[in-house]
């Protein structure tokens, strides 16, 4: 199932933070993790990911460093900050409450 752009947009920050909570990573691999773990439902492209990464870095939620991949290519590696971890925990709680409320309203009782 494909989700509307507006719906995916609201999940971008917590999804990126969750991927980075697991460890430092670079853009392509972040997008790949999201695509694979969502079974393709959140098929992210660079146009979705990089503006969010830049905004999050500017906001202090993530930090970056320049590095070199095993094949010699320059890469920018991102990691979550303490502020990012704190926001992620708040957003996880908020998302769980939100999904529960929506499910109650539309009649999905088993979730």
Protein backbone atom coordinates (compact mmCIF):
# COMPACT_ATOMS: atom_id res chain seq x y z
CA UNK A 1 0.00 0.00 0.00
CA UNK A 2 1.24 3.49 -0.87
CA UNK A 3 0.62 6.27 1.60
CA UNK A 4 -0.21 9.86 0.81
CA UNK A 5 2.69 12.30 0.87
CA UNK A 6 1.15 14.28 3.74
CA UNK A 7 0.85 11.19 5.92
CA UNK A 8 4.41 10.07 5.22
CA UNK A 9 5.67 13.59 5.87
CA UNK A 10 4.42 13.56 9.45
CA UNK A 11 6.38 10.38 10.13
CA UNK A 12 9.66 11.44 8.54
CA UNK A 13 11.43 12.78 11.64
CA UNK A 14 10.59 9.95 14.05
CA UNK A 15 11.41 7.35 11.39
CA UNK A 16 14.84 8.86 10.69
CA UNK A 17 15.53 9.21 14.41
CA UNK A 18 14.62 5.56 14.98
CA UNK A 19 16.95 4.38 12.22
CA UNK A 20 19.77 6.51 13.66
CA UNK A 21 19.03 5.34 17.22
CA UNK A 22 20.31 1.96 16.03
CA UNK A 23 23.61 3.47 14.93
CA UNK A 24 25.39 5.98 12.76
CA UNK A 25 24.53 5.81 9.08
CA UNK A 26 24.64 7.73 5.80
CA UNK A 27 21.76 8.93 3.65
CA UNK A 28 21.47 6.12 1.14
CA UNK A 29 21.51 3.47 3.86
CA UNK A 30 18.94 5.36 5.94
CA UNK A 31 16.58 5.44 2.93
CA UNK A 32 17.30 1.79 2.19
CA UNK A 33 16.52 0.77 5.79
CA UNK A 34 13.21 2.65 5.67
CA UNK A 35 12.29 1.11 2.32
CA UNK A 36 13.19 -2.43 3.37
CA UNK A 37 11.70 -2.33 6.89
CA UNK A 38 8.43 -0.82 5.64
CA UNK A 39 8.21 -3.49 2.91
CA UNK A 40 8.36 -0.69 0.35
CA UNK A 41 5.37 1.20 1.74
CA UNK A 42 7.55 4.22 2.59
CA UNK A 43 9.63 4.20 -0.57
CA UNK A 44 11.82 7.24 0.14
CA UNK A 45 13.84 9.09 -2.43
CA UNK A 46 16.64 11.58 -1.87
CA UNK A 47 14.15 14.44 -2.22
CA UNK A 48 12.38 13.22 0.92
CA UNK A 49 15.40 12.33 2.99
CA UNK A 50 18.08 14.97 2.55
CA UNK A 51 15.99 18.07 3.28
CA UNK A 52 14.79 16.37 6.48
CA UNK A 53 18.36 15.43 7.48
CA UNK A 54 19.55 19.01 6.98
CA UNK A 55 16.63 20.42 8.98
CA UNK A 56 17.17 17.91 11.78
CA UNK A 57 20.89 18.65 11.92
CA UNK A 58 20.23 22.37 12.05
CA UNK A 59 17.76 21.74 14.89
CA UNK A 60 20.29 19.72 16.90
CA UNK A 61 18.43 16.41 16.64
CA UNK A 62 21.24 14.75 14.70
CA UNK A 63 24.91 15.45 14.07
CA UNK A 64 27.11 14.53 11.15
CA UNK A 65 30.69 13.83 10.24
CA UNK A 66 32.49 13.45 6.94
CA UNK A 67 33.79 9.99 6.27
CA UNK A 68 34.96 7.66 3.53
CA UNK A 69 33.17 4.48 2.54
CA UNK A 70 35.03 1.18 2.12
CA UNK A 71 35.10 1.81 -1.65
CA UNK A 72 36.74 5.22 -1.13
CA UNK A 73 33.70 7.47 -1.71
CA UNK A 74 33.18 10.48 0.53
CA UNK A 75 30.06 10.18 2.66
CA UNK A 76 28.32 12.19 5.33
CA UNK A 77 27.49 10.00 8.31
CA UNK A 78 24.67 10.97 10.67
CA UNK A 79 24.09 10.07 14.30
CA UNK A 80 21.31 10.87 16.74
CA UNK A 81 21.98 13.39 19.55
CA UNK A 82 20.64 13.41 23.11
CA UNK A 83 18.03 15.96 21.98
CA UNK A 84 17.06 13.62 19.15
CA UNK A 85 16.72 10.68 21.53
CA UNK A 86 14.49 12.71 23.84
CA UNK A 87 12.29 13.83 20.95
CA UNK A 88 12.08 10.28 19.60
CA UNK A 89 10.80 8.95 22.93
CA UNK A 90 8.17 11.72 23.12
CA UNK A 91 7.10 11.11 19.53
CA UNK A 92 6.83 7.34 20.02
CA UNK A 93 4.41 7.93 22.90
CA UNK A 94 2.50 10.50 20.88
CA UNK A 95 2.26 8.21 17.82
CA UNK A 96 0.99 5.28 19.91
CA UNK A 97 -1.71 7.48 21.44
CA UNK A 98 -2.61 8.96 18.06
CA UNK A 99 -2.92 5.57 16.35
CA UNK A 100 -4.99 4.26 19.25
CA UNK A 101 -7.35 7.24 19.05
CA UNK A 102 -7.76 6.93 15.28
CA UNK A 103 -8.38 3.19 15.56
CA UNK A 104 -11.06 3.80 18.19
CA UNK A 105 -12.71 6.40 15.98
CA UNK A 106 -12.78 4.30 12.84
CA UNK A 107 -13.67 1.07 14.57
CA UNK A 108 -10.39 -0.89 14.55
CA UNK A 109 -10.61 -2.47 18.00
CA UNK A 110 -7.93 -5.15 17.81
CA UNK A 111 -4.92 -2.81 17.76
